PDB file of all heavy atoms in Angstrom:
ATOM      1  N   ALA A   1       1.459   2.746  -2.827  1.00  0.00           N
ATOM      2  CA  ALA A   1       0.483   1.806  -2.306  1.00  0.00           C
ATOM      3  C   ALA A   1      -0.003   2.325  -0.957  1.00  0.00           C
ATOM      4  O   ALA A   1       0.452   3.343  -0.506  1.00  0.00           O
ATOM      5  CB  ALA A   1       1.075   0.399  -2.157  1.00  0.00           C
ATOM      6  N   ALA A   2      -0.931   1.582  -0.344  1.00  0.00           N
ATOM      7  CA  ALA A   2      -1.401   1.955   0.956  1.00  0.00           C
ATOM      8  C   ALA A   2      -1.517   0.766   1.885  1.00  0.00           C
ATOM      9  O   ALA A   2      -1.867  -0.350   1.465  1.00  0.00           O
ATOM     10  CB  ALA A   2      -2.764   2.619   0.855  1.00  0.00           C
ATOM     11  N   LYS A   3      -1.164   0.970   3.146  1.00  0.00           N
ATOM     12  CA  LYS A   3      -1.259  -0.153   4.086  1.00  0.00           C
ATOM     13  C   LYS A   3      -2.523   0.100   4.853  1.00  0.00           C
ATOM     14  O   LYS A   3      -2.677   1.107   5.556  1.00  0.00           O
ATOM     15  CB  LYS A   3      -0.072  -0.202   5.045  1.00  0.00           C
ATOM     16  CG  LYS A   3      -0.100  -1.457   5.971  1.00  0.00           C
ATOM     17  CD  LYS A   3       1.061  -1.458   6.953  1.00  0.00           C
ATOM     18  CE  LYS A   3       2.310  -1.979   6.227  1.00  0.00           C
ATOM     19  NZ  LYS A   3       3.399  -2.224   7.162  1.00  0.00           N
ATOM     20  N   VAL A   4      -3.549  -0.814   4.674  1.00  0.00           N
ATOM     21  CA  VAL A   4      -4.894  -0.646   5.222  1.00  0.00           C
ATOM     22  C   VAL A   4      -5.020  -1.721   6.280  1.00  0.00           C
ATOM     23  O   VAL A   4      -5.050  -2.939   6.031  1.00  0.00           O
ATOM     24  CB  VAL A   4      -5.957  -0.776   4.189  1.00  0.00           C
ATOM     25  CG1 VAL A   4      -7.358  -0.621   4.740  1.00  0.00           C
ATOM     26  CG2 VAL A   4      -5.753   0.288   3.032  1.00  0.00           C
ATOM     27  N   ASN A   5      -5.135  -1.271   7.613  1.00  0.00           N
ATOM     28  CA  ASN A   5      -5.212  -2.234   8.708  1.00  0.00           C
ATOM     29  C   ASN A   5      -4.137  -3.295   8.670  1.00  0.00           C
ATOM     30  O   ASN A   5      -4.369  -4.474   8.881  1.00  0.00           O
ATOM     31  CB  ASN A   5      -6.598  -2.871   8.732  1.00  0.00           C
ATOM     32  CG  ASN A   5      -7.747  -1.904   9.121  1.00  0.00           C
ATOM     33  OD1 ASN A   5      -7.519  -0.873   9.821  1.00  0.00           O
ATOM     34  ND2 ASN A   5      -8.904  -2.161   8.523  1.00  0.00           N
ATOM     35  N   GLY A   6      -2.944  -2.844   8.341  1.00  0.00           N
ATOM     36  CA  GLY A   6      -1.731  -3.678   8.353  1.00  0.00           C
ATOM     37  C   GLY A   6      -1.539  -4.423   7.101  1.00  0.00           C
ATOM     38  O   GLY A   6      -0.506  -5.157   6.935  1.00  0.00           O
ATOM     39  N   GLU A   7      -2.450  -4.382   6.082  1.00  0.00           N
ATOM     40  CA  GLU A   7      -2.299  -5.112   4.873  1.00  0.00           C
ATOM     41  C   GLU A   7      -2.063  -4.184   3.714  1.00  0.00           C
ATOM     42  O   GLU A   7      -2.703  -3.129   3.588  1.00  0.00           O
ATOM     43  CB  GLU A   7      -3.607  -5.924   4.574  1.00  0.00           C
ATOM     44  CG  GLU A   7      -3.512  -6.781   3.372  1.00  0.00           C
ATOM     45  CD  GLU A   7      -4.855  -7.514   3.092  1.00  0.00           C
ATOM     46  OE1 GLU A   7      -5.776  -7.487   4.045  1.00  0.00           O
ATOM     47  OE2 GLU A   7      -4.996  -8.096   2.027  1.00  0.00           O
ATOM     48  N   THR A   8      -1.058  -4.484   2.850  1.00  0.00           N
ATOM     49  CA  THR A   8      -0.731  -3.618   1.701  1.00  0.00           C
ATOM     50  C   THR A   8      -1.715  -3.709   0.567  1.00  0.00           C
ATOM     51  O   THR A   8      -1.948  -4.879   0.096  1.00  0.00           O
ATOM     52  CB  THR A   8       0.708  -3.903   1.238  1.00  0.00           C
ATOM     53  OG1 THR A   8       1.611  -3.844   2.337  1.00  0.00           O
ATOM     54  CG2 THR A   8       1.157  -2.814   0.242  1.00  0.00           C
ATOM     55  N   TRP A   9      -2.269  -2.623   0.165  1.00  0.00           N
ATOM     56  CA  TRP A   9      -3.319  -2.631  -0.855  1.00  0.00           C
ATOM     57  C   TRP A   9      -2.860  -1.704  -2.023  1.00  0.00           C
ATOM     58  O   TRP A   9      -1.908  -0.856  -1.876  1.00  0.00           O
ATOM     59  CB  TRP A   9      -4.649  -1.968  -0.330  1.00  0.00           C
ATOM     60  CG  TRP A   9      -5.494  -2.799   0.500  1.00  0.00           C
ATOM     61  CD1 TRP A   9      -5.133  -3.976   1.179  1.00  0.00           C
ATOM     62  CD2 TRP A   9      -6.848  -2.634   0.801  1.00  0.00           C
ATOM     63  NE1 TRP A   9      -6.203  -4.436   1.870  1.00  0.00           N
ATOM     64  CE2 TRP A   9      -7.271  -3.651   1.633  1.00  0.00           C
ATOM     65  CE3 TRP A   9      -7.755  -1.682   0.373  1.00  0.00           C
ATOM     66  CZ2 TRP A   9      -8.640  -3.739   2.109  1.00  0.00           C
ATOM     67  CZ3 TRP A   9      -9.082  -1.766   0.838  1.00  0.00           C
ATOM     68  CH2 TRP A   9      -9.538  -2.734   1.663  1.00  0.00           C
ATOM     69  N   ASP A  10      -3.515  -1.867  -3.184  1.00  0.00           N
ATOM     70  CA  ASP A  10      -3.336  -0.940  -4.283  1.00  0.00           C
ATOM     71  C   ASP A  10      -3.715   0.487  -3.749  1.00  0.00           C
ATOM     72  O   ASP A  10      -4.703   0.631  -2.947  1.00  0.00           O
ATOM     73  CB  ASP A  10      -4.278  -1.271  -5.455  1.00  0.00           C
ATOM     74  CG  ASP A  10      -4.061  -2.674  -5.968  1.00  0.00           C
ATOM     75  OD1 ASP A  10      -2.907  -3.130  -6.009  1.00  0.00           O
ATOM     76  OD2 ASP A  10      -5.059  -3.313  -6.338  1.00  0.00           O
ATOM     77  N   ALA A  11      -3.016   1.452  -4.193  1.00  0.00           N
ATOM     78  CA  ALA A  11      -3.300   2.839  -3.749  1.00  0.00           C
ATOM     79  C   ALA A  11      -4.656   3.314  -4.213  1.00  0.00           C
ATOM     80  O   ALA A  11      -5.263   4.152  -3.546  1.00  0.00           O
ATOM     81  CB  ALA A  11      -2.211   3.790  -4.296  1.00  0.00           C
ATOM     82  N   ASN A  12      -5.185   2.675  -5.308  1.00  0.00           N
ATOM     83  CA  ASN A  12      -6.548   3.182  -5.779  1.00  0.00           C
ATOM     84  C   ASN A  12      -7.654   2.226  -5.444  1.00  0.00           C
ATOM     85  O   ASN A  12      -8.764   2.283  -5.959  1.00  0.00           O
ATOM     86  CB  ASN A  12      -6.484   3.424  -7.284  1.00  0.00           C
ATOM     87  CG  ASN A  12      -5.905   2.246  -8.038  1.00  0.00           C
ATOM     88  OD1 ASN A  12      -5.854   1.127  -7.487  1.00  0.00           O
ATOM     89  ND2 ASN A  12      -5.555   2.500  -9.248  1.00  0.00           N
ATOM     90  N   ARG A  13      -7.383   1.282  -4.533  1.00  0.00           N
ATOM     91  CA  ARG A  13      -8.418   0.297  -4.086  1.00  0.00           C
ATOM     92  C   ARG A  13      -9.369   1.004  -3.041  1.00  0.00           C
ATOM     93  O   ARG A  13      -8.949   1.587  -2.122  1.00  0.00           O
ATOM     94  CB  ARG A  13      -7.811  -0.958  -3.473  1.00  0.00           C
ATOM     95  CG  ARG A  13      -8.819  -2.077  -3.150  1.00  0.00           C
ATOM     96  CD  ARG A  13      -8.032  -3.273  -2.686  1.00  0.00           C
ATOM     97  NE  ARG A  13      -8.915  -4.260  -2.094  1.00  0.00           N
ATOM     98  CZ  ARG A  13      -8.535  -5.375  -1.552  1.00  0.00           C
ATOM     99  NH1 ARG A  13      -7.250  -5.731  -1.582  1.00  0.00           N
ATOM    100  NH2 ARG A  13      -9.358  -6.225  -1.004  1.00  0.00           N
ATOM    101  N   PRO A  14     -10.681   0.895  -3.294  1.00  0.00           N
ATOM    102  CA  PRO A  14     -11.712   1.503  -2.384  1.00  0.00           C
ATOM    103  C   PRO A  14     -11.630   0.956  -0.989  1.00  0.00           C
ATOM    104  O   PRO A  14     -11.491  -0.319  -0.767  1.00  0.00           O
ATOM    105  CB  PRO A  14     -13.000   1.229  -3.040  1.00  0.00           C
ATOM    106  CG  PRO A  14     -12.742   0.858  -4.500  1.00  0.00           C
ATOM    107  CD  PRO A  14     -11.364   0.187  -4.445  1.00  0.00           C
ATOM    108  N   ILE A  15     -11.723   1.807   0.032  1.00  0.00           N
ATOM    109  CA  ILE A  15     -11.827   1.429   1.429  1.00  0.00           C
ATOM    110  C   ILE A  15     -13.220   1.664   1.899  1.00  0.00           C
ATOM    111  O   ILE A  15     -13.744   2.760   1.823  1.00  0.00           O
ATOM    112  CB  ILE A  15     -10.818   2.261   2.266  1.00  0.00           C
ATOM    113  CG1 ILE A  15      -9.431   2.155   1.712  1.00  0.00           C
ATOM    114  CG2 ILE A  15     -10.837   1.844   3.727  1.00  0.00           C
ATOM    115  CD1 ILE A  15      -8.424   3.140   2.264  1.00  0.00           C
ATOM    116  N   GLN A  16     -13.887   0.587   2.390  1.00  0.00           N
ATOM    117  CA  GLN A  16     -15.316   0.705   2.694  1.00  0.00           C
ATOM    118  C   GLN A  16     -15.716   0.819   4.166  1.00  0.00           C
ATOM    119  O   GLN A  16     -16.779   1.071   4.505  1.00  0.00           O
ATOM    120  CB  GLN A  16     -16.007  -0.551   2.136  1.00  0.00           C
ATOM    121  CG  GLN A  16     -15.832  -0.859   0.636  1.00  0.00           C
ATOM    122  CD  GLN A  16     -16.519   0.198  -0.271  1.00  0.00           C
ATOM    123  OE1 GLN A  16     -17.226   0.999   0.211  1.00  0.00           O
ATOM    124  NE2 GLN A  16     -16.212   0.163  -1.550  1.00  0.00           N
ATOM    125  N   THR A  17     -14.701   0.612   5.019  1.00  0.00           N
ATOM    126  CA  THR A  17     -14.935   0.676   6.510  1.00  0.00           C
ATOM    127  C   THR A  17     -13.923   1.519   7.196  1.00  0.00           C
ATOM    128  O   THR A  17     -12.882   1.886   6.617  1.00  0.00           O
ATOM    129  CB  THR A  17     -14.987  -0.744   7.071  1.00  0.00           C
ATOM    130  OG1 THR A  17     -13.670  -1.320   6.893  1.00  0.00           O
ATOM    131  CG2 THR A  17     -16.019  -1.675   6.466  1.00  0.00           C
ATOM    132  N   ASP A  18     -14.192   1.824   8.457  1.00  0.00           N
ATOM    133  CA  ASP A  18     -13.203   2.534   9.292  1.00  0.00           C
ATOM    134  C   ASP A  18     -11.881   1.812   9.225  1.00  0.00           C
ATOM    135  O   ASP A  18     -11.872   0.513   9.252  1.00  0.00           O
ATOM    136  CB  ASP A  18     -13.645   2.635  10.760  1.00  0.00           C
ATOM    137  CG  ASP A  18     -14.888   3.578  10.837  1.00  0.00           C
ATOM    138  OD1 ASP A  18     -15.309   4.226   9.921  1.00  0.00           O
ATOM    139  OD2 ASP A  18     -15.459   3.520  11.945  1.00  0.00           O
ATOM    140  N   ALA A  19     -10.778   2.506   9.140  1.00  0.00           N
ATOM    141  CA  ALA A  19      -9.513   1.814   8.965  1.00  0.00           C
ATOM    142  C   ALA A  19      -8.296   2.628   9.386  1.00  0.00           C
ATOM    143  O   ALA A  19      -8.400   3.864   9.348  1.00  0.00           O
ATOM    144  CB  ALA A  19      -9.321   1.398   7.448  1.00  0.00           C
ATOM    145  N   SER A  20      -7.225   1.982   9.786  1.00  0.00           N
ATOM    146  CA  SER A  20      -5.937   2.635   9.940  1.00  0.00           C
ATOM    147  C   SER A  20      -5.226   2.576   8.607  1.00  0.00           C
ATOM    148  O   SER A  20      -5.091   1.505   7.991  1.00  0.00           O
ATOM    149  CB  SER A  20      -5.093   1.935  10.986  1.00  0.00           C
ATOM    150  OG  SER A  20      -5.770   2.053  12.260  1.00  0.00           O
ATOM    151  N   VAL A  21      -4.684   3.674   8.130  1.00  0.00           N
ATOM    152  CA  VAL A  21      -4.125   3.754   6.798  1.00  0.00           C
ATOM    153  C   VAL A  21      -2.722   4.404   6.814  1.00  0.00           C
ATOM    154  O   VAL A  21      -2.597   5.461   7.465  1.00  0.00           O
ATOM    155  CB  VAL A  21      -5.000   4.586   5.782  1.00  0.00           C
ATOM    156  CG1 VAL A  21      -4.317   4.732   4.472  1.00  0.00           C
ATOM    157  CG2 VAL A  21      -6.346   3.807   5.619  1.00  0.00           C
ATOM    158  N   GLN A  22      -1.766   3.752   6.235  1.00  0.00           N
ATOM    159  CA  GLN A  22      -0.405   4.323   6.046  1.00  0.00           C
ATOM    160  C   GLN A  22      -0.174   4.423   4.609  1.00  0.00           C
ATOM    161  O   GLN A  22      -0.344   3.486   3.805  1.00  0.00           O
ATOM    162  CB  GLN A  22       0.615   3.455   6.681  1.00  0.00           C
ATOM    163  CG  GLN A  22       2.083   3.970   6.542  1.00  0.00           C
ATOM    164  CD  GLN A  22       3.126   3.034   7.018  1.00  0.00           C
ATOM    165  OE1 GLN A  22       2.835   2.013   7.618  1.00  0.00           O
ATOM    166  NE2 GLN A  22       4.373   3.349   6.749  1.00  0.00           N
ATOM    167  N   LEU A  23       0.181   5.590   4.062  1.00  0.00           N
ATOM    168  CA  LEU A  23       0.469   5.821   2.713  1.00  0.00           C
ATOM    169  C   LEU A  23       1.949   5.497   2.386  1.00  0.00           C
ATOM    170  O   LEU A  23       2.798   5.979   3.071  1.00  0.00           O
ATOM    171  CB  LEU A  23       0.172   7.274   2.314  1.00  0.00           C
ATOM    172  CG  LEU A  23      -1.315   7.666   2.603  1.00  0.00           C
ATOM    173  CD1 LEU A  23      -1.471   9.195   2.457  1.00  0.00           C
ATOM    174  CD2 LEU A  23      -2.249   6.953   1.618  1.00  0.00           C
ATOM    175  N   LEU A  24       2.148   4.597   1.477  1.00  0.00           N
ATOM    176  CA  LEU A  24       3.467   4.083   1.230  1.00  0.00           C
ATOM    177  C   LEU A  24       4.116   4.673  -0.048  1.00  0.00           C
ATOM    178  O   LEU A  24       3.484   4.750  -1.091  1.00  0.00           O
ATOM    179  CB  LEU A  24       3.379   2.502   0.980  1.00  0.00           C
ATOM    180  CG  LEU A  24       2.717   1.723   2.178  1.00  0.00           C
ATOM    181  CD1 LEU A  24       2.533   0.287   1.735  1.00  0.00           C
ATOM    182  CD2 LEU A  24       3.594   1.770   3.368  1.00  0.00           C
ATOM    183  N   THR A  25       5.385   5.087   0.153  1.00  0.00           N
ATOM    184  CA  THR A  25       6.132   5.664  -0.909  1.00  0.00           C
ATOM    185  C   THR A  25       7.410   4.899  -1.134  1.00  0.00           C
ATOM    186  O   THR A  25       7.617   3.814  -0.512  1.00  0.00           O
ATOM    187  CB  THR A  25       6.488   7.156  -0.599  1.00  0.00           C
ATOM    188  OG1 THR A  25       7.461   7.150   0.490  1.00  0.00           O
ATOM    189  CG2 THR A  25       5.282   7.924  -0.162  1.00  0.00           C
ATOM    190  N   TRP A  26       8.303   5.371  -2.054  1.00  0.00           N
ATOM    191  CA  TRP A  26       9.531   4.687  -2.279  1.00  0.00           C
ATOM    192  C   TRP A  26      10.389   4.542  -0.987  1.00  0.00           C
ATOM    193  O   TRP A  26      11.251   3.681  -0.924  1.00  0.00           O
ATOM    194  CB  TRP A  26      10.307   5.502  -3.350  1.00  0.00           C
ATOM    195  CG  TRP A  26      11.623   4.900  -3.740  1.00  0.00           C
ATOM    196  CD1 TRP A  26      12.884   5.384  -3.453  1.00  0.00           C
ATOM    197  CD2 TRP A  26      11.877   3.759  -4.503  1.00  0.00           C
ATOM    198  NE1 TRP A  26      13.846   4.640  -3.996  1.00  0.00           N
ATOM    199  CE2 TRP A  26      13.280   3.575  -4.664  1.00  0.00           C
ATOM    200  CE3 TRP A  26      11.050   2.778  -5.114  1.00  0.00           C
ATOM    201  CZ2 TRP A  26      13.827   2.569  -5.322  1.00  0.00           C
ATOM    202  CZ3 TRP A  26      11.593   1.691  -5.760  1.00  0.00           C
ATOM    203  CH2 TRP A  26      12.994   1.583  -5.866  1.00  0.00           C
ATOM    204  N   ASN A  27      10.187   5.414  -0.040  1.00  0.00           N
ATOM    205  CA  ASN A  27      10.982   5.401   1.211  1.00  0.00           C
ATOM    206  C   ASN A  27      10.573   4.285   2.115  1.00  0.00           C
ATOM    207  O   ASN A  27      11.194   4.047   3.186  1.00  0.00           O
ATOM    208  CB  ASN A  27      10.864   6.721   1.941  1.00  0.00           C
ATOM    209  CG  ASN A  27      11.473   7.862   1.143  1.00  0.00           C
ATOM    210  OD1 ASN A  27      12.483   7.660   0.478  1.00  0.00           O
ATOM    211  ND2 ASN A  27      10.877   9.011   1.184  1.00  0.00           N
ATOM    212  N   ASP A  28       9.462   3.590   1.854  1.00  0.00           N
ATOM    213  CA  ASP A  28       8.966   2.486   2.698  1.00  0.00           C
ATOM    214  C   ASP A  28       9.290   1.159   2.006  1.00  0.00           C
ATOM    215  O   ASP A  28       9.216   0.959   0.831  1.00  0.00           O
ATOM    216  CB  ASP A  28       7.435   2.572   2.841  1.00  0.00           C
ATOM    217  CG  ASP A  28       6.989   3.869   3.499  1.00  0.00           C
ATOM    218  OD1 ASP A  28       7.363   4.068   4.673  1.00  0.00           O
ATOM    219  OD2 ASP A  28       6.365   4.693   2.872  1.00  0.00           O
ATOM    220  N   ALA A  29       9.684   0.132   2.870  1.00  0.00           N
ATOM    221  CA  ALA A  29      10.021  -1.159   2.341  1.00  0.00           C
ATOM    222  C   ALA A  29       8.884  -1.766   1.472  1.00  0.00           C
ATOM    223  O   ALA A  29       9.018  -2.308   0.466  1.00  0.00           O
ATOM    224  CB  ALA A  29      10.390  -2.062   3.398  1.00  0.00           C
ATOM    225  N   GLU A  30       7.654  -1.581   2.094  1.00  0.00           N
ATOM    226  CA  GLU A  30       6.467  -2.128   1.354  1.00  0.00           C
ATOM    227  C   GLU A  30       6.227  -1.397   0.055  1.00  0.00           C
ATOM    228  O   GLU A  30       5.686  -1.965  -0.886  1.00  0.00           O
ATOM    229  CB  GLU A  30       5.179  -2.045   2.216  1.00  0.00           C
ATOM    230  CG  GLU A  30       5.335  -2.876   3.552  1.00  0.00           C
ATOM    231  CD  GLU A  30       5.781  -1.995   4.698  1.00  0.00           C
ATOM    232  OE1 GLU A  30       6.467  -0.983   4.473  1.00  0.00           O
ATOM    233  OE2 GLU A  30       5.403  -2.285   5.844  1.00  0.00           O
ATOM    234  N   GLY A  31       6.523  -0.076  -0.004  1.00  0.00           N
ATOM    235  CA  GLY A  31       6.472   0.665  -1.224  1.00  0.00           C
ATOM    236  C   GLY A  31       7.377   0.150  -2.250  1.00  0.00           C
ATOM    237  O   GLY A  31       7.032  -0.045  -3.439  1.00  0.00           O
ATOM    238  N   LYS A  32       8.607  -0.105  -1.885  1.00  0.00           N
ATOM    239  CA  LYS A  32       9.632  -0.644  -2.927  1.00  0.00           C
ATOM    240  C   LYS A  32       9.124  -1.999  -3.319  1.00  0.00           C
ATOM    241  O   LYS A  32       9.275  -2.386  -4.546  1.00  0.00           O
ATOM    242  CB  LYS A  32      10.988  -0.769  -2.183  1.00  0.00           C
ATOM    243  CG  LYS A  32      11.764   0.552  -2.084  1.00  0.00           C
ATOM    244  CD  LYS A  32      13.161   0.251  -1.573  1.00  0.00           C
ATOM    245  CE  LYS A  32      14.064   1.525  -1.581  1.00  0.00           C
ATOM    246  NZ  LYS A  32      13.681   2.402  -0.443  1.00  0.00           N
ATOM    247  N   ASN A  33       8.649  -2.856  -2.398  1.00  0.00           N
ATOM    248  CA  ASN A  33       8.198  -4.196  -2.732  1.00  0.00           C
ATOM    249  C   ASN A  33       7.069  -4.126  -3.810  1.00  0.00           C
ATOM    250  O   ASN A  33       7.109  -4.915  -4.776  1.00  0.00           O
ATOM    251  CB  ASN A  33       7.733  -4.942  -1.472  1.00  0.00           C
ATOM    252  CG  ASN A  33       7.398  -6.365  -1.671  1.00  0.00           C
ATOM    253  OD1 ASN A  33       6.328  -6.671  -2.213  1.00  0.00           O
ATOM    254  ND2 ASN A  33       8.338  -7.205  -1.374  1.00  0.00           N
ATOM    255  N   THR A  34       6.128  -3.211  -3.592  1.00  0.00           N
ATOM    256  CA  THR A  34       5.031  -3.118  -4.590  1.00  0.00           C
ATOM    257  C   THR A  34       5.608  -2.610  -5.932  1.00  0.00           C
ATOM    258  O   THR A  34       5.173  -3.122  -6.967  1.00  0.00           O
ATOM    259  CB  THR A  34       4.005  -2.074  -4.048  1.00  0.00           C
ATOM    260  OG1 THR A  34       3.549  -2.520  -2.707  1.00  0.00           O
ATOM    261  CG2 THR A  34       2.818  -2.019  -4.936  1.00  0.00           C
ATOM    262  N   PHE A  35       6.477  -1.659  -5.897  1.00  0.00           N
ATOM    263  CA  PHE A  35       7.112  -1.135  -7.097  1.00  0.00           C
ATOM    264  C   PHE A  35       7.796  -2.190  -7.904  1.00  0.00           C
ATOM    265  O   PHE A  35       7.640  -2.311  -9.123  1.00  0.00           O
ATOM    266  CB  PHE A  35       8.117  -0.037  -6.692  1.00  0.00           C
ATOM    267  CG  PHE A  35       8.647   0.807  -7.830  1.00  0.00           C
ATOM    268  CD1 PHE A  35       8.113   1.968  -8.227  1.00  0.00           C
ATOM    269  CD2 PHE A  35       9.792   0.333  -8.525  1.00  0.00           C
ATOM    270  CE1 PHE A  35       8.666   2.750  -9.246  1.00  0.00           C
ATOM    271  CE2 PHE A  35      10.318   1.094  -9.544  1.00  0.00           C
ATOM    272  CZ  PHE A  35       9.768   2.329  -9.903  1.00  0.00           C
ATOM    273  N   TRP A  36       8.557  -3.065  -7.194  1.00  0.00           N
ATOM    274  CA  TRP A  36       9.283  -4.097  -7.904  1.00  0.00           C
ATOM    275  C   TRP A  36       8.443  -5.228  -8.402  1.00  0.00           C
ATOM    276  O   TRP A  36       8.634  -5.829  -9.436  1.00  0.00           O
ATOM    277  CB  TRP A  36      10.478  -4.552  -7.061  1.00  0.00           C
ATOM    278  CG  TRP A  36      11.596  -3.562  -7.005  1.00  0.00           C
ATOM    279  CD1 TRP A  36      11.962  -2.776  -8.069  1.00  0.00           C
ATOM    280  CD2 TRP A  36      12.455  -3.234  -5.944  1.00  0.00           C
ATOM    281  NE1 TRP A  36      13.046  -1.941  -7.727  1.00  0.00           N
ATOM    282  CE2 TRP A  36      13.357  -2.245  -6.386  1.00  0.00           C
ATOM    283  CE3 TRP A  36      12.607  -3.695  -4.650  1.00  0.00           C
ATOM    284  CZ2 TRP A  36      14.364  -1.719  -5.577  1.00  0.00           C
ATOM    285  CZ3 TRP A  36      13.620  -3.182  -3.828  1.00  0.00           C
ATOM    286  CH2 TRP A  36      14.461  -2.148  -4.286  1.00  0.00           C
ATOM    287  N   HIS A  37       7.347  -5.555  -7.608  1.00  0.00           N
ATOM    288  CA  HIS A  37       6.435  -6.558  -8.083  1.00  0.00           C
ATOM    289  C   HIS A  37       5.727  -6.042  -9.380  1.00  0.00           C
ATOM    290  O   HIS A  37       5.565  -6.863 -10.321  1.00  0.00           O
ATOM    291  CB  HIS A  37       5.387  -6.874  -6.998  1.00  0.00           C
ATOM    292  CG  HIS A  37       4.448  -7.949  -7.394  1.00  0.00           C
ATOM    293  ND1 HIS A  37       4.834  -9.104  -8.046  1.00  0.00           N
ATOM    294  CD2 HIS A  37       3.088  -8.073  -7.266  1.00  0.00           C
ATOM    295  CE1 HIS A  37       3.806  -9.856  -8.224  1.00  0.00           C
ATOM    296  NE2 HIS A  37       2.702  -9.260  -7.784  1.00  0.00           N
ATOM    297  N   SER A  38       5.334  -4.794  -9.339  1.00  0.00           N
ATOM    298  CA  SER A  38       4.749  -4.263 -10.605  1.00  0.00           C
ATOM    299  C   SER A  38       5.676  -4.242 -11.752  1.00  0.00           C
ATOM    300  O   SER A  38       5.334  -4.437 -12.956  1.00  0.00           O
ATOM    301  CB  SER A  38       4.253  -2.758 -10.317  1.00  0.00           C
ATOM    302  OG  SER A  38       3.287  -2.786  -9.266  1.00  0.00           O
ATOM    303  N   SER A  39       6.939  -4.073 -11.447  1.00  0.00           N
ATOM    304  CA  SER A  39       7.989  -4.099 -12.495  1.00  0.00           C
ATOM    305  C   SER A  39       8.161  -5.477 -13.124  1.00  0.00           C
ATOM    306  O   SER A  39       8.441  -5.618 -14.276  1.00  0.00           O
ATOM    307  CB  SER A  39       9.276  -3.611 -11.972  1.00  0.00           C
ATOM    308  OG  SER A  39       9.239  -2.305 -11.473  1.00  0.00           O
ATOM    309  N   ALA A  40       7.939  -6.489 -12.266  1.00  0.00           N
ATOM    310  CA  ALA A  40       8.002  -7.851 -12.838  1.00  0.00           C
ATOM    311  C   ALA A  40       6.912  -8.069 -13.832  1.00  0.00           C
ATOM    312  O   ALA A  40       7.060  -8.680 -14.898  1.00  0.00           O
ATOM    313  CB  ALA A  40       7.866  -8.856 -11.677  1.00  0.00           C
TER     314      ALA A  40
END
């Protein structure tokens, strides 16, 4: 997933404006959270 301006987004969601972006992996809490929500 990706954190865009502090909000967690789908990794493939288009970004239309200037933004701060953090790429989330299994090593990030938000990455695990997204993984497990998708697993549900």
